[in-house]
Amino acid sequence: MDINELRNEINETDEKLVELFCKRMNISLEIAKYKKENNLPVLDKNRERELLAKVSDASPQELEVYTRALYTTIFNLSRSYQHKYMNKTASISSSIKEALENTSKQFPKRAVVACQGVSGAYSEQACEKIFDVPEIMFFNNFEGVFHAVRSGLCDYGILPLENSTAGSVNQVYDLMRKNKFYVVKSIRLKVDHSLLAKKGTSLADIKEVYSHEQAVNQCSNFISENKIKANICANTAVAAKLVASSDRTDIAAIASAKCAELYGLTAIASDIQNYSNNYTRFICISKNLEIYPGASKTSFMMTIPHVPGSLYSVISRFYALGINLVKIESRPLPDRDFEFMFYFDIECSVYSDELISLLNELENDITDFTYLGSYSEVM
């Protein structure tokens, strides 16, 4: 056979496959009707396990893994179709509807906001871009920001989540699992680091530098090239304050140019980050669910069983509903062996039926699922 004859055979086979797939989905719909009438759950793990074993046995050994992958996808699509018909409302649906009705149509211009560090921190800059007139309260660590929001001391909190150069802020992800909160907005802040020292100091004088771990990683090339010892601080602005109050003239801080003005320092080198397009993403969190107009990004967390195909089973639902997955982050659970918490960011309008269907499916099927909010991102 030549290539055209083989392709004709493929076309004929595909026509039969589509016909059989549609027939299977229609039968799945009839099953959904039965389940709805008899108040049965959509997911039947034992039934799916039996079917997977059956198709595996019927498949040639060299195609078994492909057959299982195909049927796992079919099961996910079938469940999604059944969920759509049964329209089994999850508590998230009600919460989103209520938030859309009760949230102000305009994001607040004034608020009491918690930030980590001291004045001059990048979180302060992010806060001032999100709010027109914020009343900022500073806390020593990220946990303090969560506590301030949880206790009602502050209306909102600003937290760094990831950097385009240095990656994720793992401590924040770990705290997200422990604290109940909602994301109401996010921002991508352009971060340009400067080397700050006391006036009259030259680069040749510097032996040690102080900064946050993320900033040190973002400026690793500059630090290495100049053979400077790096010391970790809680915050870039804290580092600038430390240098300003020290008697030493051989130390410097990696911080924003704003910190030079605040603490009477001078920038002996500017834009020292490894890459010029250095951005940090900050999230704005609230104790209550607030969803403002234009919300097109949604975040959630879940714990997935440590078995082959479990993550694929979740991600395939996004594809089935035409939803774009823009970020996935995993963090090990310290109290569980070989289990991970997965954090997801997806792009989809909060008014979309597909988003509600997805959240309903996940909340009904995943035991440990946490919706973190729907929001817009400031660039």
Protein backbone atom coordinates (compact mmCIF):
# COMPACT_ATOMS: atom_id res chain seq x y z
CA MET A 1 0.00 0.00 0.00
CA ASP A 2 1.11 3.54 -0.66
CA ILE A 3 0.68 6.42 1.81
CA ASN A 4 -2.62 7.60 0.29
CA GLU A 5 -4.22 4.17 0.62
CA LEU A 6 -3.12 3.98 4.25
CA ARG A 7 -4.52 7.44 4.92
CA ASN A 8 -7.84 6.42 3.37
CA GLU A 9 -7.94 3.49 5.79
CA ILE A 10 -7.22 5.87 8.66
CA ASN A 11 -10.08 8.13 7.52
CA GLU A 12 -12.52 5.21 7.36
CA THR A 13 -11.42 4.01 10.79
CA ASP A 14 -11.78 7.51 12.26
CA GLU A 15 -15.35 7.76 10.95
CA LYS A 16 -16.20 4.51 12.76
CA LEU A 17 -14.40 5.68 15.91
CA VAL A 18 -16.35 8.96 16.01
CA GLU A 19 -19.62 7.09 15.49
CA LEU A 20 -18.81 4.65 18.28
CA PHE A 21 -17.55 7.43 20.57
CA CYS A 22 -20.80 9.39 20.13
CA LYS A 23 -22.78 6.21 20.79
CA ARG A 24 -20.79 5.62 23.98
CA MET A 25 -21.33 9.20 25.15
CA ASN A 26 -25.08 8.90 24.52
CA ILE A 27 -25.18 5.74 26.61
CA SER A 28 -23.18 7.60 29.26
CA LEU A 29 -25.88 10.27 29.23
CA GLU A 30 -28.57 7.65 29.85
CA ILE A 31 -26.51 6.39 32.79
CA ALA A 32 -26.35 9.95 34.10
CA LYS A 33 -30.15 10.15 33.99
CA TYR A 34 -30.35 6.94 36.01
CA LYS A 35 -27.79 8.22 38.52
CA LYS A 36 -29.69 11.49 38.92
CA GLU A 37 -33.01 9.70 39.49
CA ASN A 38 -31.43 7.38 42.06
CA ASN A 39 -29.17 10.01 43.68
CA LEU A 40 -25.96 8.17 42.76
CA PRO A 41 -22.53 9.82 42.40
CA VAL A 42 -21.02 10.38 38.97
CA LEU A 43 -17.71 8.75 39.85
CA ASP A 44 -17.72 4.97 40.27
CA LYS A 45 -14.08 4.05 40.87
CA ASN A 46 -14.68 0.30 41.05
CA ARG A 47 -16.49 0.31 37.71
CA GLU A 48 -13.71 2.32 36.03
CA ARG A 49 -11.06 0.05 37.52
CA GLU A 50 -12.86 -3.03 36.16
CA LEU A 51 -13.20 -1.49 32.70
CA LEU A 52 -9.52 -0.52 32.60
CA ALA A 53 -8.53 -4.07 33.48
CA LYS A 54 -10.89 -5.43 30.82
CA VAL A 55 -9.60 -3.23 27.96
CA SER A 56 -6.00 -3.90 29.05
CA ASP A 57 -6.58 -7.64 28.80
CA ALA A 58 -8.18 -7.21 25.38
CA SER A 59 -5.29 -5.13 24.05
CA PRO A 60 -2.03 -6.49 22.57
CA GLN A 61 0.79 -6.13 25.07
CA GLU A 62 2.68 -3.58 22.95
CA LEU A 63 -0.43 -1.34 22.85
CA GLU A 64 -1.65 -1.87 26.42
CA VAL A 65 -0.24 1.37 27.83
CA TYR A 66 -1.76 3.36 24.95
CA THR A 67 -5.12 1.65 25.40
CA ARG A 68 -5.19 2.51 29.10
CA ALA A 69 -4.31 6.14 28.30
CA LEU A 70 -7.10 6.31 25.71
CA TYR A 71 -9.73 4.89 28.04
CA THR A 72 -8.63 7.04 30.95
CA THR A 73 -9.34 10.05 28.72
CA ILE A 74 -12.68 8.60 27.64
CA PHE A 75 -13.66 8.07 31.29
CA ASN A 76 -12.80 11.69 32.09
CA LEU A 77 -14.83 12.97 29.14
CA SER A 78 -17.73 10.73 30.08
CA ARG A 79 -17.70 11.98 33.68
CA SER A 80 -17.54 15.58 32.49
CA TYR A 81 -20.57 14.97 30.24
CA GLN A 82 -22.48 13.36 33.10
CA HIS A 83 -21.63 16.20 35.47
CA LYS A 84 -22.92 18.70 32.92
CA TYR A 85 -26.24 16.87 32.64
CA MET A 86 -26.70 16.21 36.34
CA ASN A 87 -25.67 19.78 37.15
CA LYS A 88 -24.83 18.67 40.65
CA THR A 89 -24.26 21.98 42.41
CA ALA A 90 -21.17 22.22 44.56
CA SER A 91 -20.85 24.69 47.40
CA ILE A 92 -18.32 26.61 45.29
CA SER A 93 -21.01 27.46 42.73
CA SER A 94 -23.18 29.03 45.40
CA SER A 95 -20.23 30.89 46.91
CA ILE A 96 -19.21 32.33 43.53
CA LYS A 97 -22.77 33.38 42.72
CA GLU A 98 -23.12 35.07 46.10
CA ALA A 99 -19.74 36.81 45.77
CA LEU A 100 -20.61 38.13 42.30
CA GLU A 101 -23.86 39.55 43.66
CA ASN A 102 -22.43 41.07 46.84
CA THR A 103 -18.96 42.30 45.81
CA SER A 104 -18.66 45.97 44.92
CA LYS A 105 -18.41 46.65 41.19
CA GLN A 106 -15.22 48.64 41.77
CA PHE A 107 -12.04 47.43 43.47
CA PRO A 108 -11.45 49.45 46.68
CA LYS A 109 -9.12 52.45 46.45
CA ARG A 110 -8.48 52.60 50.21
CA ALA A 111 -7.74 49.70 52.55
CA VAL A 112 -5.59 48.57 55.45
CA VAL A 113 -3.06 46.23 53.85
CA ALA A 114 -0.50 43.85 55.36
CA CYS A 115 2.97 43.58 53.77
CA GLN A 116 6.06 41.67 54.80
CA GLY A 117 9.25 43.61 55.58
CA VAL A 118 9.70 47.35 56.09
CA SER A 119 9.15 50.49 54.05
CA GLY A 120 10.83 50.21 50.64
CA ALA A 121 10.02 46.52 50.17
CA TYR A 122 8.85 45.39 46.75
CA SER A 123 5.59 44.23 48.33
CA GLU A 124 4.99 47.88 49.24
CA GLN A 125 5.45 48.85 45.59
CA ALA A 126 3.00 46.12 44.52
CA CYS A 127 0.52 47.32 47.14
CA GLU A 128 0.70 50.91 45.91
CA LYS A 129 -0.02 49.77 42.35
CA ILE A 130 -3.07 47.77 43.44
CA PHE A 131 -4.54 50.36 45.85
CA ASP A 132 -4.66 54.11 45.30
CA VAL A 133 -4.44 55.04 48.98
CA PRO A 134 -3.35 52.03 51.07
CA GLU A 135 -2.69 52.14 54.79
CA ILE A 136 0.20 49.69 54.99
CA MET A 137 1.11 47.65 58.07
CA PHE A 138 4.44 45.81 57.94
CA PHE A 139 5.10 42.38 59.45
CA ASN A 140 8.32 40.48 60.03
CA ASN A 141 7.37 37.40 58.03
CA PHE A 142 4.83 35.99 55.58
CA GLU A 143 2.99 34.15 58.34
CA GLY A 144 2.37 37.51 60.00
CA VAL A 145 0.66 38.74 56.82
CA PHE A 146 -1.67 35.72 56.79
CA HIS A 147 -2.44 36.18 60.49
CA ALA A 148 -3.21 39.90 60.05
CA VAL A 149 -5.75 39.11 57.33
CA ARG A 150 -7.22 36.11 59.14
CA SER A 151 -7.69 38.04 62.40
CA GLY A 152 -9.27 41.03 60.67
CA LEU A 153 -6.45 43.39 61.67
CA CYS A 154 -5.93 44.12 57.96
CA ASP A 155 -8.44 44.05 55.11
CA TYR A 156 -5.96 42.60 52.62
CA GLY A 157 -2.44 41.16 52.41
CA ILE A 158 0.22 41.30 49.70
CA LEU A 159 2.43 38.25 49.14
CA PRO A 160 5.09 37.36 46.52
CA LEU A 161 4.29 34.10 44.78
CA GLU A 162 6.84 33.62 42.02
CA ASN A 163 9.66 35.30 40.14
CA SER A 164 10.45 34.96 36.45
CA THR A 165 14.13 34.29 37.24
CA ALA A 166 14.31 32.65 40.68
CA GLY A 167 11.07 30.67 40.56
CA SER A 168 8.44 30.13 43.25
CA VAL A 169 8.45 31.44 46.80
CA ASN A 170 8.04 28.05 48.44
CA GLN A 171 7.35 29.37 51.93
CA VAL A 172 4.27 31.22 50.68
CA TYR A 173 2.94 28.10 48.94
CA ASP A 174 3.39 26.11 52.16
CA LEU A 175 1.53 28.77 54.16
CA MET A 176 -1.27 28.86 51.61
CA ARG A 177 -2.14 25.28 52.51
CA LYS A 178 -2.40 26.12 56.21
CA ASN A 179 -4.44 29.31 55.96
CA LYS A 180 -7.96 29.96 54.72
CA PHE A 181 -8.00 32.94 52.37
CA TYR A 182 -8.99 34.10 48.90
CA VAL A 183 -7.05 35.77 46.10
CA VAL A 184 -8.83 38.95 44.97
CA LYS A 185 -6.20 40.38 42.59
CA SER A 186 -2.65 39.74 41.37
CA ILE A 187 0.06 41.89 39.85
CA ARG A 188 3.26 41.33 37.88
CA LEU A 189 5.81 43.84 39.13
CA LYS A 190 8.96 44.70 37.18
CA VAL A 191 11.85 44.27 39.64
CA ASP A 192 15.12 46.15 39.08
CA HIS A 193 17.70 45.53 41.80
CA SER A 194 20.39 47.99 42.88
CA LEU A 195 23.50 47.48 45.01
CA LEU A 196 23.13 49.95 47.88
CA ALA A 197 25.91 51.03 50.24
CA LYS A 198 26.89 54.00 52.38
CA LYS A 199 27.86 57.16 50.55
CA GLY A 200 31.50 57.26 49.52
CA THR A 201 31.71 53.48 49.18
CA SER A 202 32.90 51.95 45.91
CA LEU A 203 32.17 48.54 44.43
CA ALA A 204 35.77 47.47 45.12
CA ASP A 205 35.17 48.03 48.86
CA ILE A 206 32.27 45.57 49.09
CA LYS A 207 33.04 42.21 50.65
CA GLU A 208 29.55 41.07 51.69
CA VAL A 209 26.02 41.69 50.48
CA TYR A 210 22.68 41.28 52.29
CA SER A 211 19.28 40.62 50.75
CA HIS A 212 16.31 38.29 50.52
CA GLU A 213 17.04 34.81 49.16
CA GLN A 214 15.01 35.46 46.01
CA ALA A 215 16.91 38.70 45.27
CA VAL A 216 20.24 36.94 45.84
CA ASN A 217 19.25 34.26 43.34
CA GLN A 218 18.09 36.87 40.85
CA CYS A 219 21.48 38.64 41.06
CA SER A 220 23.67 35.54 41.30
CA ASN A 221 25.79 36.43 38.25
CA PHE A 222 26.72 39.86 39.58
CA ILE A 223 27.54 38.46 43.03
CA SER A 224 29.71 35.72 41.55
CA GLU A 225 31.55 37.99 39.12
CA ASN A 226 32.47 40.42 41.90
CA LYS A 227 33.38 37.65 44.39
CA ILE A 228 31.02 38.96 47.05
CA LYS A 229 29.77 36.85 49.95
CA ALA A 230 25.93 36.70 50.06
CA ASN A 231 23.98 36.80 53.34
CA ILE A 232 20.26 36.11 53.51
CA CYS A 233 17.81 38.57 55.10
CA ALA A 234 14.07 38.44 55.64
CA ASN A 235 13.48 41.18 53.06
CA THR A 236 15.34 43.43 50.61
CA ALA A 237 14.27 46.59 52.45
CA VAL A 238 15.30 45.02 55.78
CA ALA A 239 18.74 44.46 54.23
CA ALA A 240 18.97 48.12 53.20
CA LYS A 241 18.00 49.23 56.70
CA LEU A 242 20.63 46.87 58.17
CA VAL A 243 23.40 48.33 55.99
CA ALA A 244 22.34 51.89 56.82
CA SER A 245 22.51 51.23 60.57
CA SER A 246 25.83 49.31 60.43
CA ASP A 247 29.24 50.82 61.16
CA ARG A 248 30.80 48.70 58.42
CA THR A 249 31.72 50.22 55.06
CA ASP A 250 32.44 46.94 53.29
CA ILE A 251 28.84 45.70 53.11
CA ALA A 252 25.97 46.46 50.76
CA ALA A 253 22.34 45.52 50.22
CA ILE A 254 20.50 44.32 47.15
CA ALA A 255 17.26 46.28 47.15
CA SER A 256 15.18 48.78 45.19
CA ALA A 257 16.42 52.24 44.28
CA LYS A 258 13.64 53.57 46.50
CA CYS A 259 15.45 52.13 49.54
CA ALA A 260 18.47 54.32 48.79
CA GLU A 261 16.31 57.41 49.31
CA LEU A 262 14.59 56.00 52.39
CA TYR A 263 17.73 54.91 54.25
CA GLY A 264 20.32 57.44 53.09
CA LEU A 265 22.28 55.01 50.93
CA THR A 266 23.73 55.33 47.45
CA ALA A 267 23.37 52.98 44.48
CA ILE A 268 26.87 51.93 43.47
CA ALA A 269 25.45 49.60 40.80
CA SER A 270 22.03 49.49 39.13
CA ASP A 271 20.00 46.81 37.32
CA ILE A 272 22.24 44.04 38.64
CA GLN A 273 19.68 41.24 38.18
CA ASN A 274 20.65 38.38 35.85
CA TYR A 275 17.93 39.23 33.33
CA SER A 276 16.43 42.59 32.43
CA ASN A 277 12.92 41.16 32.15
CA ASN A 278 12.80 40.30 35.85
CA TYR A 279 9.24 40.16 37.17
CA THR A 280 7.74 39.08 40.49
CA ARG A 281 4.11 38.07 40.73
CA PHE A 282 2.32 39.22 43.89
CA ILE A 283 -1.14 38.15 45.04
CA CYS A 284 -3.57 40.24 47.07
CA ILE A 285 -5.44 38.09 49.59
CA SER A 286 -8.63 38.62 51.60
CA LYS A 287 -10.39 36.80 54.42
CA ASN A 288 -13.65 36.85 52.45
CA LEU A 289 -14.41 35.80 48.89
CA GLU A 290 -14.59 38.90 46.72
CA ILE A 291 -14.92 38.67 42.93
CA TYR A 292 -14.62 41.90 40.97
CA PRO A 293 -15.69 42.57 37.36
CA GLY A 294 -13.24 41.32 34.76
CA ALA A 295 -12.07 38.31 36.80
CA SER A 296 -10.47 36.02 34.22
CA LYS A 297 -8.03 34.00 36.31
CA THR A 298 -8.90 31.34 38.90
CA SER A 299 -6.65 29.58 41.41
CA PHE A 300 -7.19 26.43 43.46
CA MET A 301 -5.27 23.76 45.34
CA MET A 302 -5.81 20.03 45.72
CA THR A 303 -4.17 16.88 46.98
CA ILE A 304 -4.07 14.12 44.39
CA PRO A 305 -3.64 10.40 45.19
CA HIS A 306 -0.11 9.07 44.68
CA VAL A 307 -1.06 6.66 41.88
CA PRO A 308 -0.15 6.60 38.17
CA GLY A 309 -2.38 8.80 36.02
CA SER A 310 -4.01 10.76 38.86
CA LEU A 311 -2.57 14.14 37.78
CA TYR A 312 -3.35 13.42 34.14
CA SER A 313 -6.93 12.61 35.13
CA VAL A 314 -7.29 16.13 36.56
CA ILE A 315 -5.52 18.00 33.77
CA SER A 316 -7.48 16.24 31.02
CA ARG A 317 -10.65 17.87 32.38
CA PHE A 318 -9.26 21.31 31.53
CA TYR A 319 -8.71 20.23 27.95
CA ALA A 320 -12.16 18.65 27.71
CA LEU A 321 -13.77 21.94 28.75
CA GLY A 322 -11.47 24.14 26.66
CA ILE A 323 -9.88 25.81 29.71
CA ASN A 324 -6.29 27.07 29.58
CA LEU A 325 -3.97 25.89 32.36
CA VAL A 326 -1.30 28.57 32.87
CA LYS A 327 0.49 27.33 36.00
CA ILE A 328 0.88 24.19 38.07
CA GLU A 329 3.06 24.02 41.18
CA SER A 330 3.62 21.06 43.48
CA ARG A 331 4.67 21.08 47.12
CA PRO A 332 5.37 17.98 49.26
CA LEU A 333 3.08 17.42 52.22
CA PRO A 334 5.32 17.07 55.30
CA ASP A 335 2.78 14.98 57.21
CA ARG A 336 2.16 12.49 54.38
CA ASP A 337 4.61 10.17 52.62
CA PHE A 338 5.00 10.75 48.89
CA GLU A 339 1.92 12.99 48.64
CA PHE A 340 1.86 16.47 47.16
CA MET A 341 -0.29 19.55 47.21
CA PHE A 342 -0.83 20.90 43.68
CA TYR A 343 -1.53 24.57 43.01
CA PHE A 344 -3.24 25.52 39.73
CA ASP A 345 -3.82 28.80 37.87
CA ILE A 346 -6.27 28.70 34.98
CA GLU A 347 -7.49 31.34 32.54
CA CYS A 348 -11.25 31.44 32.13
CA SER A 349 -13.91 34.08 32.73
CA VAL A 350 -15.64 33.70 36.07
CA TYR A 351 -18.94 34.04 34.19
CA SER A 352 -18.14 31.00 32.03
CA ASP A 353 -20.31 27.89 32.34
CA GLU A 354 -17.20 25.80 31.65
CA LEU A 355 -15.47 27.20 34.74
CA ILE A 356 -18.44 26.39 36.97
CA SER A 357 -18.63 22.89 35.49
CA LEU A 358 -14.94 22.32 36.16
CA LEU A 359 -15.11 23.55 39.76
CA ASN A 360 -18.23 21.46 40.40
CA GLU A 361 -16.48 18.37 39.06
CA LEU A 362 -13.35 18.91 41.10
CA GLU A 363 -15.13 19.67 44.34
CA ASN A 364 -17.37 16.62 43.98
CA ASP A 365 -14.59 14.23 42.88
CA ILE A 366 -11.49 15.44 44.76
CA THR A 367 -11.51 14.91 48.52
CA ASP A 368 -8.99 17.61 49.39
CA PHE A 369 -9.91 20.49 47.05
CA THR A 370 -9.64 24.21 47.90
CA TYR A 371 -10.93 27.04 45.71
CA LEU A 372 -8.73 30.14 46.14
CA GLY A 373 -10.70 32.70 44.17
CA SER A 374 -11.28 34.29 40.78
CA TYR A 375 -9.63 37.61 40.00
CA SER A 376 -7.92 39.83 37.43
CA GLU A 377 -4.19 40.45 37.10
CA VAL A 378 -2.56 43.87 36.81
CA MET A 379 0.40 44.07 34.45
